[in-house]
Amino acid sequence: MDKLTAARYFIKVADTGSFSKTAKLLGLPISTVSRRVKDLEQHLGVDLLKRTTRYLSLTDLGRIYYNQVEDAVRAFEMADQVLHQSSSRPSGKLKISALPSYANKHLYQILQKFREIHPDIIIELNTTEVIQDLMKDGLDFAIRPTSRPPENLVAKVINDHKMAIVGSPKYIREFGKLENPQDVINHKTICFTSLSGLMPWHAFHDNKWQIIDKIPYFICSDTCKILDIVKNGEGIALLPEWTYLDSLNEGLVEILNTEWDASFGSDYDHKLYLLYDKKTSQLKRNQTFLKFFLEQNK
């Protein structure tokens, strides 16, 4: 039995929680993955996984074995890939997860330029609001806002993710600006909703954070569409700066909360990050993308 291959399949199954997902990631039949893991269990004389019709999880001994072999298996995989790519042009597949709004506003254009220069690198982009796990979902990079980037990943700040309440000049002429957070209740608010529900509005006013009371006029999960609605003069919205900055410079929107700060959360450290694993960044294709992407975001 090839113990290294069997251990590799086991690690993948533990990460994904599924034989079918692992088989898809590896491009193998489910039966092959299942058989190799079963051979490993028989060789060790223990059950590594709890199998039911509804879910799959590690046994106590399986968790111990996982913790002991994970680093070694990943190191072998990485060494093979690094050496394989060392004498060739950057190639292979890059899997990236990003917010749909950021992809629409910035990332698609960056990736188009990147593909023109590096046609041998295949980009698989997953646009989602879901916070994905790089290891379990087989991702190379993730772009998402957070105030607490994972400690086990490298986190590069792309944008400070400053937010503001914006409205069109037409709307402001009719309804006026905001003197204080309490004025929001009298306006038509275009609100963003995520998978966790309607995002609250917070204001830093009078030296403290406070919830902004509002009555949603329209609710949408696409910040780019929200910006279009705002530019059309239908209401005001709380948006990240990278979403509205071009429209602000073009005079299509104005900031209403000029005397106080606003955000989805009461946290000044909320930033937009590029997240990646330090080990996978050694791959030539990952190094190539990382350098290009950071240059585009200077």
C-alpha atoms as a PDB file:
ATOM      1  CA  MET A   1       0.000   0.000   0.000  1.00  0.00           C
ATOM      2  CA  ASP A   2       1.198   3.516  -0.855  1.00  0.00           C
ATOM      3  CA  LYS A   3       0.818   5.034   2.607  1.00  0.00           C
ATOM      4  CA  LEU A   4       1.673   8.574   1.462  1.00  0.00           C
ATOM      5  CA  THR A   5      -1.078   8.565  -1.171  1.00  0.00           C
ATOM      6  CA  ALA A   6      -3.556   7.015   1.259  1.00  0.00           C
ATOM      7  CA  ALA A   7      -2.676   9.603   3.919  1.00  0.00           C
ATOM      8  CA  ARG A   8      -3.066  12.360   1.335  1.00  0.00           C
ATOM      9  CA  TYR A   9      -6.566  11.154   0.448  1.00  0.00           C
ATOM     10  CA  PHE A  10      -7.432  10.883   4.137  1.00  0.00           C
ATOM     11  CA  ILE A  11      -6.312  14.474   4.802  1.00  0.00           C
ATOM     12  CA  LYS A  12      -8.431  15.724   1.892  1.00  0.00           C
ATOM     13  CA  VAL A  13     -11.483  13.794   3.096  1.00  0.00           C
ATOM     14  CA  ALA A  14     -11.038  15.191   6.609  1.00  0.00           C
ATOM     15  CA  ASP A  15     -10.730  18.735   5.211  1.00  0.00           C
ATOM     16  CA  THR A  16     -13.777  18.536   2.940  1.00  0.00           C
ATOM     17  CA  GLY A  17     -15.875  16.251   5.144  1.00  0.00           C
ATOM     18  CA  SER A  18     -16.874  14.309   2.058  1.00  0.00           C
ATOM     19  CA  PHE A  19     -15.578  11.500  -0.161  1.00  0.00           C
ATOM     20  CA  SER A  20     -17.397  12.955  -3.164  1.00  0.00           C
ATOM     21  CA  LYS A  21     -15.920  16.448  -2.728  1.00  0.00           C
ATOM     22  CA  THR A  22     -12.454  14.957  -2.288  1.00  0.00           C
ATOM     23  CA  ALA A  23     -12.841  12.829  -5.396  1.00  0.00           C
ATOM     24  CA  LYS A  24     -13.933  15.891  -7.368  1.00  0.00           C
ATOM     25  CA  LEU A  25     -10.948  17.924  -6.137  1.00  0.00           C
ATOM     26  CA  LEU A  26      -8.532  15.131  -7.032  1.00  0.00           C
ATOM     27  CA  GLY A  27     -10.231  14.198 -10.297  1.00  0.00           C
ATOM     28  CA  LEU A  28     -10.724  10.577  -9.186  1.00  0.00           C
ATOM     29  CA  PRO A  29     -13.631   8.143  -8.791  1.00  0.00           C
ATOM     30  CA  ILE A  30     -15.219   8.172  -5.333  1.00  0.00           C
ATOM     31  CA  SER A  31     -14.553   4.436  -5.047  1.00  0.00           C
ATOM     32  CA  THR A  32     -10.800   4.987  -5.447  1.00  0.00           C
ATOM     33  CA  VAL A  33     -10.646   7.555  -2.652  1.00  0.00           C
ATOM     34  CA  SER A  34     -12.851   5.459  -0.355  1.00  0.00           C
ATOM     35  CA  ARG A  35     -10.839   2.292  -0.970  1.00  0.00           C
ATOM     36  CA  ARG A  36      -7.495   3.973  -0.274  1.00  0.00           C
ATOM     37  CA  VAL A  37      -8.733   5.439   3.017  1.00  0.00           C
ATOM     38  CA  LYS A  38     -10.200   2.082   4.027  1.00  0.00           C
ATOM     39  CA  ASP A  39      -6.856   0.402   3.229  1.00  0.00           C
ATOM     40  CA  LEU A  40      -5.122   2.951   5.473  1.00  0.00           C
ATOM     41  CA  GLU A  41      -7.519   2.208   8.338  1.00  0.00           C
ATOM     42  CA  GLN A  42      -6.957  -1.531   7.941  1.00  0.00           C
ATOM     43  CA  HIS A  43      -3.182  -1.027   7.879  1.00  0.00           C
ATOM     44  CA  LEU A  44      -3.311   1.054  11.077  1.00  0.00           C
ATOM     45  CA  GLY A  45      -5.884  -1.220  12.698  1.00  0.00           C
ATOM     46  CA  VAL A  46      -8.151   1.684  13.732  1.00  0.00           C
ATOM     47  CA  ASP A  47     -11.163   3.622  12.419  1.00  0.00           C
ATOM     48  CA  LEU A  48     -10.097   7.097  11.361  1.00  0.00           C
ATOM     49  CA  LEU A  49     -13.528   8.270  10.247  1.00  0.00           C
ATOM     50  CA  LYS A  50     -17.086   8.043  11.546  1.00  0.00           C
ATOM     51  CA  ARG A  51     -19.360   7.295   8.611  1.00  0.00           C
ATOM     52  CA  THR A  52     -23.125   7.765   8.598  1.00  0.00           C
ATOM     53  CA  THR A  53     -25.619   8.327   5.807  1.00  0.00           C
ATOM     54  CA  ARG A  54     -25.806  12.021   6.750  1.00  0.00           C
ATOM     55  CA  TYR A  55     -22.288  13.095   7.677  1.00  0.00           C
ATOM     56  CA  LEU A  56     -18.653  12.114   8.006  1.00  0.00           C
ATOM     57  CA  SER A  57     -16.302  13.128  10.826  1.00  0.00           C
ATOM     58  CA  LEU A  58     -13.011  12.190  12.440  1.00  0.00           C
ATOM     59  CA  THR A  59     -12.804   9.703  15.269  1.00  0.00           C
ATOM     60  CA  ASP A  60     -10.651  10.618  18.272  1.00  0.00           C
ATOM     61  CA  LEU A  61      -7.805   8.494  16.883  1.00  0.00           C
ATOM     62  CA  GLY A  62      -8.470   9.929  13.447  1.00  0.00           C
ATOM     63  CA  ARG A  63      -7.976  13.453  14.834  1.00  0.00           C
ATOM     64  CA  ILE A  64      -4.675  12.393  16.439  1.00  0.00           C
ATOM     65  CA  TYR A  65      -3.471  10.817  13.184  1.00  0.00           C
ATOM     66  CA  TYR A  66      -4.580  13.873  11.180  1.00  0.00           C
ATOM     67  CA  ASN A  67      -2.620  16.229  13.442  1.00  0.00           C
ATOM     68  CA  GLN A  68       0.476  14.038  13.210  1.00  0.00           C
ATOM     69  CA  VAL A  69       0.604  13.594   9.421  1.00  0.00           C
ATOM     70  CA  GLU A  70      -1.031  16.771   8.050  1.00  0.00           C
ATOM     71  CA  ASP A  71       2.091  18.935   7.882  1.00  0.00           C
ATOM     72  CA  ALA A  72       4.194  16.134   6.400  1.00  0.00           C
ATOM     73  CA  VAL A  73       1.636  15.327   3.683  1.00  0.00           C
ATOM     74  CA  ARG A  74       1.197  18.963   2.707  1.00  0.00           C
ATOM     75  CA  ALA A  75       4.977  19.453   2.676  1.00  0.00           C
ATOM     76  CA  PHE A  76       5.406  16.517   0.262  1.00  0.00           C
ATOM     77  CA  GLU A  77       2.650  17.864  -1.990  1.00  0.00           C
ATOM     78  CA  MET A  78       4.121  21.349  -1.987  1.00  0.00           C
ATOM     79  CA  ALA A  79       7.665  20.134  -2.681  1.00  0.00           C
ATOM     80  CA  ASP A  80       6.446  18.143  -5.681  1.00  0.00           C
ATOM     81  CA  GLN A  81       4.543  21.096  -7.129  1.00  0.00           C
ATOM     82  CA  VAL A  82       7.333  23.621  -6.519  1.00  0.00           C
ATOM     83  CA  LEU A  83       9.941  21.429  -8.223  1.00  0.00           C
ATOM     84  CA  HIS A  84       7.587  20.570 -11.066  1.00  0.00           C
ATOM     85  CA  GLN A  85       7.035  24.238 -11.831  1.00  0.00           C
ATOM     86  CA  SER A  86      10.596  25.436 -11.239  1.00  0.00           C
ATOM     87  CA  SER A  87      11.775  24.851 -14.804  1.00  0.00           C
ATOM     88  CA  SER A  88       8.590  25.812 -16.645  1.00  0.00           C
ATOM     89  CA  ARG A  89       6.388  28.807 -17.277  1.00  0.00           C
ATOM     90  CA  PRO A  90       3.724  29.512 -14.643  1.00  0.00           C
ATOM     91  CA  SER A  91       0.808  27.180 -15.317  1.00  0.00           C
ATOM     92  CA  GLY A  92      -2.003  25.242 -13.694  1.00  0.00           C
ATOM     93  CA  LYS A  93      -5.198  26.312 -11.952  1.00  0.00           C
ATOM     94  CA  LEU A  94      -5.662  29.142  -9.458  1.00  0.00           C
ATOM     95  CA  LYS A  95      -8.800  29.043  -7.321  1.00  0.00           C
ATOM     96  CA  ILE A  96      -9.935  32.409  -5.983  1.00  0.00           C
ATOM     97  CA  SER A  97     -12.910  33.372  -3.820  1.00  0.00           C
ATOM     98  CA  ALA A  98     -14.128  36.978  -3.794  1.00  0.00           C
ATOM     99  CA  LEU A  99     -17.105  39.143  -2.913  1.00  0.00           C
ATOM    100  CA  PRO A 100     -19.392  39.481  -5.959  1.00  0.00           C
ATOM    101  CA  SER A 101     -19.369  43.271  -5.659  1.00  0.00           C
ATOM    102  CA  TYR A 102     -15.568  43.466  -5.534  1.00  0.00           C
ATOM    103  CA  ALA A 103     -15.300  41.099  -8.482  1.00  0.00           C
ATOM    104  CA  ASN A 104     -17.709  43.216 -10.534  1.00  0.00           C
ATOM    105  CA  LYS A 105     -16.046  46.492  -9.618  1.00  0.00           C
ATOM    106  CA  HIS A 106     -12.370  45.550  -9.752  1.00  0.00           C
ATOM    107  CA  LEU A 107     -11.349  41.905  -9.943  1.00  0.00           C
ATOM    108  CA  TYR A 108     -12.711  40.971 -13.374  1.00  0.00           C
ATOM    109  CA  GLN A 109     -10.646  43.720 -15.002  1.00  0.00           C
ATOM    110  CA  ILE A 110      -7.514  42.655 -13.124  1.00  0.00           C
ATOM    111  CA  LEU A 111      -8.003  39.011 -14.086  1.00  0.00           C
ATOM    112  CA  GLN A 112      -8.524  39.935 -17.733  1.00  0.00           C
ATOM    113  CA  LYS A 113      -5.131  41.667 -17.809  1.00  0.00           C
ATOM    114  CA  PHE A 114      -3.553  38.755 -15.952  1.00  0.00           C
ATOM    115  CA  ARG A 115      -4.896  36.165 -18.434  1.00  0.00           C
ATOM    116  CA  GLU A 116      -3.525  38.154 -21.355  1.00  0.00           C
ATOM    117  CA  ILE A 117      -0.020  38.008 -19.858  1.00  0.00           C
ATOM    118  CA  HIS A 118      -0.230  34.470 -18.402  1.00  0.00           C
ATOM    119  CA  PRO A 119      -2.500  32.376 -20.661  1.00  0.00           C
ATOM    120  CA  ASP A 120      -1.184  29.091 -19.204  1.00  0.00           C
ATOM    121  CA  ILE A 121      -2.670  29.857 -15.786  1.00  0.00           C
ATOM    122  CA  ILE A 122      -6.329  28.884 -15.501  1.00  0.00           C
ATOM    123  CA  ILE A 123      -8.380  31.041 -13.138  1.00  0.00           C
ATOM    124  CA  GLU A 124     -11.335  29.527 -11.302  1.00  0.00           C
ATOM    125  CA  LEU A 125     -13.197  32.381  -9.627  1.00  0.00           C
ATOM    126  CA  ASN A 126     -15.922  31.750  -7.072  1.00  0.00           C
ATOM    127  CA  THR A 127     -17.911  34.911  -6.309  1.00  0.00           C
ATOM    128  CA  THR A 128     -19.772  34.460  -3.049  1.00  0.00           C
ATOM    129  CA  GLU A 129     -20.707  36.152   0.202  1.00  0.00           C
ATOM    130  CA  VAL A 130     -19.901  32.887   2.015  1.00  0.00           C
ATOM    131  CA  ILE A 131     -16.712  32.940   4.113  1.00  0.00           C
ATOM    132  CA  GLN A 132     -14.890  29.938   2.674  1.00  0.00           C
ATOM    133  CA  ASP A 133     -12.081  27.920   4.223  1.00  0.00           C
ATOM    134  CA  LEU A 134      -9.001  27.980   2.006  1.00  0.00           C
ATOM    135  CA  MET A 135      -7.865  24.471   2.927  1.00  0.00           C
ATOM    136  CA  LYS A 136     -11.230  22.735   2.940  1.00  0.00           C
ATOM    137  CA  ASP A 137     -12.414  24.411  -0.268  1.00  0.00           C
ATOM    138  CA  GLY A 138      -9.082  24.031  -2.069  1.00  0.00           C
ATOM    139  CA  LEU A 139      -8.628  27.785  -2.548  1.00  0.00           C
ATOM    140  CA  ASP A 140      -5.379  29.592  -3.328  1.00  0.00           C
ATOM    141  CA  PHE A 141      -6.627  33.093  -2.500  1.00  0.00           C
ATOM    142  CA  ALA A 142      -9.666  34.705  -0.881  1.00  0.00           C
ATOM    143  CA  ILE A 143     -10.684  38.360  -0.943  1.00  0.00           C
ATOM    144  CA  ARG A 144     -12.978  39.414   1.872  1.00  0.00           C
ATOM    145  CA  PRO A 145     -13.538  42.128   4.487  1.00  0.00           C
ATOM    146  CA  THR A 146     -12.906  41.328   8.127  1.00  0.00           C
ATOM    147  CA  SER A 147     -11.660  42.882  11.348  1.00  0.00           C
ATOM    148  CA  ARG A 148      -9.969  39.637  12.412  1.00  0.00           C
ATOM    149  CA  PRO A 149      -8.068  37.896   9.598  1.00  0.00           C
ATOM    150  CA  PRO A 150      -7.291  34.217  10.337  1.00  0.00           C
ATOM    151  CA  GLU A 151      -4.009  33.844  12.208  1.00  0.00           C
ATOM    152  CA  ASN A 152      -2.951  30.844  10.128  1.00  0.00           C
ATOM    153  CA  LEU A 153      -3.074  32.828   6.865  1.00  0.00           C
ATOM    154  CA  VAL A 154      -1.131  35.691   5.340  1.00  0.00           C
ATOM    155  CA  ALA A 155      -3.391  38.757   5.166  1.00  0.00           C
ATOM    156  CA  LYS A 156      -2.553  41.630   2.803  1.00  0.00           C
ATOM    157  CA  VAL A 157      -4.656  44.776   3.121  1.00  0.00           C
ATOM    158  CA  ILE A 158      -6.188  45.678  -0.249  1.00  0.00           C
ATOM    159  CA  ASN A 159      -8.401  48.496   0.953  1.00  0.00           C
ATOM    160  CA  ASP A 160      -9.206  50.168   4.275  1.00  0.00           C
ATOM    161  CA  HIS A 161     -12.882  49.381   3.609  1.00  0.00           C
ATOM    162  CA  LYS A 162     -13.975  52.821   4.775  1.00  0.00           C
ATOM    163  CA  MET A 163     -17.706  53.304   4.453  1.00  0.00           C
ATOM    164  CA  ALA A 164     -20.023  56.258   3.992  1.00  0.00           C
ATOM    165  CA  ILE A 165     -23.683  57.026   3.418  1.00  0.00           C
ATOM    166  CA  VAL A 166     -24.086  58.305  -0.129  1.00  0.00           C
ATOM    167  CA  GLY A 167     -26.857  59.779  -2.218  1.00  0.00           C
ATOM    168  CA  SER A 168     -27.224  61.395  -5.615  1.00  0.00           C
ATOM    169  CA  PRO A 169     -27.095  65.218  -5.988  1.00  0.00           C
ATOM    170  CA  LYS A 170     -30.703  65.060  -7.224  1.00  0.00           C
ATOM    171  CA  TYR A 171     -31.847  63.200  -4.092  1.00  0.00           C
ATOM    172  CA  ILE A 172     -29.867  65.497  -1.760  1.00  0.00           C
ATOM    173  CA  ARG A 173     -31.369  68.628  -3.326  1.00  0.00           C
ATOM    174  CA  GLU A 174     -34.833  67.244  -2.601  1.00  0.00           C
ATOM    175  CA  PHE A 175     -34.320  65.657   0.822  1.00  0.00           C
ATOM    176  CA  GLY A 176     -31.176  67.310   2.207  1.00  0.00           C
ATOM    177  CA  LYS A 177     -28.025  65.957   3.902  1.00  0.00           C
ATOM    178  CA  LEU A 178     -27.691  64.272   7.276  1.00  0.00           C
ATOM    179  CA  GLU A 179     -26.942  66.502  10.240  1.00  0.00           C
ATOM    180  CA  ASN A 180     -26.757  63.528  12.616  1.00  0.00           C
ATOM    181  CA  PRO A 181     -27.461  59.755  12.588  1.00  0.00           C
ATOM    182  CA  GLN A 182     -31.025  60.280  13.833  1.00  0.00           C
ATOM    183  CA  ASP A 183     -31.889  61.996  10.532  1.00  0.00           C
ATOM    184  CA  VAL A 184     -31.548  58.703   8.633  1.00  0.00           C
ATOM    185  CA  ILE A 185     -34.989  57.573   9.792  1.00  0.00           C
ATOM    186  CA  ASN A 186     -36.532  60.300   7.598  1.00  0.00           C
ATOM    187  CA  HIS A 187     -34.803  59.077   4.418  1.00  0.00           C
ATOM    188  CA  LYS A 188     -35.345  56.290   1.889  1.00  0.00           C
ATOM    189  CA  THR A 189     -32.602  53.784   2.727  1.00  0.00           C
ATOM    190  CA  ILE A 190     -31.353  51.261   0.174  1.00  0.00           C
ATOM    191  CA  CYS A 191     -30.035  48.432   2.363  1.00  0.00           C
ATOM    192  CA  PHE A 192     -27.590  45.606   1.796  1.00  0.00           C
ATOM    193  CA  THR A 193     -28.452  42.099   2.927  1.00  0.00           C
ATOM    194  CA  SER A 194     -26.017  39.200   3.285  1.00  0.00           C
ATOM    195  CA  LEU A 195     -26.489  35.498   3.992  1.00  0.00           C
ATOM    196  CA  SER A 196     -26.721  36.382   7.685  1.00  0.00           C
ATOM    197  CA  GLY A 197     -29.499  38.895   7.067  1.00  0.00           C
ATOM    198  CA  LEU A 198     -29.987  42.641   6.796  1.00  0.00           C
ATOM    199  CA  MET A 199     -26.791  44.481   7.653  1.00  0.00           C
ATOM    200  CA  PRO A 200     -27.169  46.987  10.518  1.00  0.00           C
ATOM    201  CA  TRP A 201     -25.961  50.564  10.184  1.00  0.00           C
ATOM    202  CA  HIS A 202     -23.701  51.975  12.918  1.00  0.00           C
ATOM    203  CA  ALA A 203     -22.532  55.549  13.490  1.00  0.00           C
ATOM    204  CA  PHE A 204     -19.621  56.937  15.491  1.00  0.00           C
ATOM    205  CA  HIS A 205     -21.170  60.110  16.869  1.00  0.00           C
ATOM    206  CA  ASP A 206     -20.667  62.027  20.127  1.00  0.00           C
ATOM    207  CA  ASN A 207     -17.559  59.886  20.818  1.00  0.00           C
ATOM    208  CA  LYS A 208     -19.422  56.584  20.790  1.00  0.00           C
ATOM    209  CA  TRP A 209     -20.785  53.954  18.420  1.00  0.00           C
ATOM    210  CA  GLN A 210     -24.552  53.736  18.105  1.00  0.00           C
ATOM    211  CA  ILE A 211     -27.094  51.861  16.004  1.00  0.00           C
ATOM    212  CA  ILE A 212     -28.675  53.928  13.237  1.00  0.00           C
ATOM    213  CA  ASP A 213     -32.442  53.521  13.107  1.00  0.00           C
ATOM    214  CA  LYS A 214     -33.751  53.179   9.559  1.00  0.00           C
ATOM    215  CA  ILE A 215     -36.757  51.988   7.585  1.00  0.00           C
ATOM    216  CA  PRO A 216     -35.561  50.039   4.507  1.00  0.00           C
ATOM    217  CA  TYR A 217     -36.999  51.358   1.252  1.00  0.00           C
ATOM    218  CA  PHE A 218     -35.330  48.658  -0.839  1.00  0.00           C
ATOM    219  CA  ILE A 219     -33.207  45.647   0.141  1.00  0.00           C
ATOM    220  CA  CYS A 220     -30.609  44.063  -2.139  1.00  0.00           C
ATOM    221  CA  SER A 221     -27.643  41.660  -1.884  1.00  0.00           C
ATOM    222  CA  ASP A 222     -25.657  43.349  -4.690  1.00  0.00           C
ATOM    223  CA  THR A 223     -23.786  46.517  -3.677  1.00  0.00           C
ATOM    224  CA  CYS A 224     -23.143  47.441  -7.318  1.00  0.00           C
ATOM    225  CA  LYS A 225     -26.877  47.387  -8.004  1.00  0.00           C
ATOM    226  CA  ILE A 226     -27.481  49.374  -4.813  1.00  0.00           C
ATOM    227  CA  LEU A 227     -25.086  52.023  -6.117  1.00  0.00           C
ATOM    228  CA  ASP A 228     -26.992  52.173  -9.418  1.00  0.00           C
ATOM    229  CA  ILE A 229     -30.257  52.710  -7.516  1.00  0.00           C
ATOM    230  CA  VAL A 230     -28.641  55.472  -5.435  1.00  0.00           C
ATOM    231  CA  LYS A 231     -27.247  57.195  -8.545  1.00  0.00           C
ATOM    232  CA  ASN A 232     -30.766  57.111  -9.972  1.00  0.00           C
ATOM    233  CA  GLY A 233     -31.902  59.269  -7.036  1.00  0.00           C
ATOM    234  CA  GLU A 234     -34.137  56.678  -5.346  1.00  0.00           C
ATOM    235  CA  GLY A 235     -32.561  56.851  -1.894  1.00  0.00           C
ATOM    236  CA  ILE A 236     -29.381  56.707   0.207  1.00  0.00           C
ATOM    237  CA  ALA A 237     -27.120  53.775   1.017  1.00  0.00           C
ATOM    238  CA  LEU A 238     -24.225  52.829   3.271  1.00  0.00           C
ATOM    239  CA  LEU A 239     -21.462  51.512   0.983  1.00  0.00           C
ATOM    240  CA  PRO A 240     -17.709  50.762   1.025  1.00  0.00           C
ATOM    241  CA  GLU A 241     -15.530  53.485  -0.486  1.00  0.00           C
ATOM    242  CA  TRP A 242     -14.143  51.206  -3.200  1.00  0.00           C
ATOM    243  CA  THR A 243     -17.718  50.747  -4.432  1.00  0.00           C
ATOM    244  CA  TYR A 244     -18.679  54.410  -4.818  1.00  0.00           C
ATOM    245  CA  LEU A 245     -15.328  56.247  -5.226  1.00  0.00           C
ATOM    246  CA  ASP A 246     -15.446  56.501  -9.040  1.00  0.00           C
ATOM    247  CA  SER A 247     -19.028  57.763  -8.884  1.00  0.00           C
ATOM    248  CA  LEU A 248     -18.020  60.275  -6.198  1.00  0.00           C
ATOM    249  CA  ASN A 249     -15.182  61.627  -8.368  1.00  0.00           C
ATOM    250  CA  GLU A 250     -17.574  61.879 -11.323  1.00  0.00           C
ATOM    251  CA  GLY A 251     -20.077  63.855  -9.253  1.00  0.00           C
ATOM    252  CA  LEU A 252     -22.750  61.162  -9.485  1.00  0.00           C
ATOM    253  CA  VAL A 253     -22.985  60.718  -5.706  1.00  0.00           C
ATOM    254  CA  GLU A 254     -22.148  62.763  -2.613  1.00  0.00           C
ATOM    255  CA  ILE A 255     -21.339  61.768   0.966  1.00  0.00           C
ATOM    256  CA  LEU A 256     -24.091  62.655   3.419  1.00  0.00           C
ATOM    257  CA  ASN A 257     -22.365  61.907   6.750  1.00  0.00           C
ATOM    258  CA  THR A 258     -19.444  64.316   6.455  1.00  0.00           C
ATOM    259  CA  GLU A 259     -19.274  65.109  10.178  1.00  0.00           C
ATOM    260  CA  TRP A 260     -19.369  61.548  11.561  1.00  0.00           C
ATOM    261  CA  ASP A 261     -18.400  58.013  10.570  1.00  0.00           C
ATOM    262  CA  ALA A 262     -20.693  55.181   9.527  1.00  0.00           C
ATOM    263  CA  SER A 263     -20.155  51.450   9.097  1.00  0.00           C
ATOM    264  CA  PHE A 264     -21.896  48.070   9.082  1.00  0.00           C
ATOM    265  CA  GLY A 265     -20.098  47.296  12.345  1.00  0.00           C
ATOM    266  CA  SER A 266     -18.752  49.247  15.284  1.00  0.00           C
ATOM    267  CA  ASP A 267     -15.148  48.478  14.391  1.00  0.00           C
ATOM    268  CA  TYR A 268     -12.573  50.832  12.887  1.00  0.00           C
ATOM    269  CA  ASP A 269     -10.271  47.916  11.974  1.00  0.00           C
ATOM    270  CA  HIS A 270     -12.574  46.449   9.322  1.00  0.00           C
ATOM    271  CA  LYS A 271     -10.466  46.135   6.159  1.00  0.00           C
ATOM    272  CA  LEU A 272     -10.566  44.304   2.827  1.00  0.00           C
ATOM    273  CA  TYR A 273      -7.889  41.588   2.712  1.00  0.00           C
ATOM    274  CA  LEU A 274      -6.246  39.259   0.246  1.00  0.00           C
ATOM    275  CA  LEU A 275      -5.828  36.018   2.204  1.00  0.00           C
ATOM    276  CA  TYR A 276      -3.556  33.110   1.304  1.00  0.00           C
ATOM    277  CA  ASP A 277      -1.517  30.308   2.818  1.00  0.00           C
ATOM    278  CA  LYS A 278       2.225  30.971   3.086  1.00  0.00           C
ATOM    279  CA  LYS A 279       3.111  27.469   1.885  1.00  0.00           C
ATOM    280  CA  THR A 280       1.026  27.538  -1.297  1.00  0.00           C
ATOM    281  CA  SER A 281       2.424  30.976  -2.140  1.00  0.00           C
ATOM    282  CA  GLN A 282       5.705  29.220  -2.989  1.00  0.00           C
ATOM    283  CA  LEU A 283       4.122  27.823  -6.160  1.00  0.00           C
ATOM    284  CA  LYS A 284       5.224  29.719  -9.243  1.00  0.00           C
ATOM    285  CA  ARG A 285       1.675  30.401 -10.440  1.00  0.00           C
ATOM    286  CA  ASN A 286       0.710  31.703  -6.989  1.00  0.00           C
ATOM    287  CA  GLN A 287       3.812  33.896  -6.777  1.00  0.00           C
ATOM    288  CA  THR A 288       3.075  35.244 -10.249  1.00  0.00           C
ATOM    289  CA  PHE A 289      -0.517  36.113  -9.418  1.00  0.00           C
ATOM    290  CA  LEU A 290       0.345  37.582  -6.021  1.00  0.00           C
ATOM    291  CA  LYS A 291       2.965  39.930  -7.482  1.00  0.00           C
ATOM    292  CA  PHE A 292       0.662  41.013 -10.317  1.00  0.00           C
ATOM    293  CA  PHE A 293      -2.377  41.520  -8.084  1.00  0.00           C
ATOM    294  CA  LEU A 294      -0.522  43.587  -5.479  1.00  0.00           C
ATOM    295  CA  GLU A 295       0.982  45.778  -8.215  1.00  0.00           C
ATOM    296  CA  GLN A 296      -2.511  46.434  -9.564  1.00  0.00           C
ATOM    297  CA  ASN A 297      -3.684  47.471  -6.080  1.00  0.00           C
ATOM    298  CA  LYS A 298      -0.902  49.929  -5.220  1.00  0.00           C
END
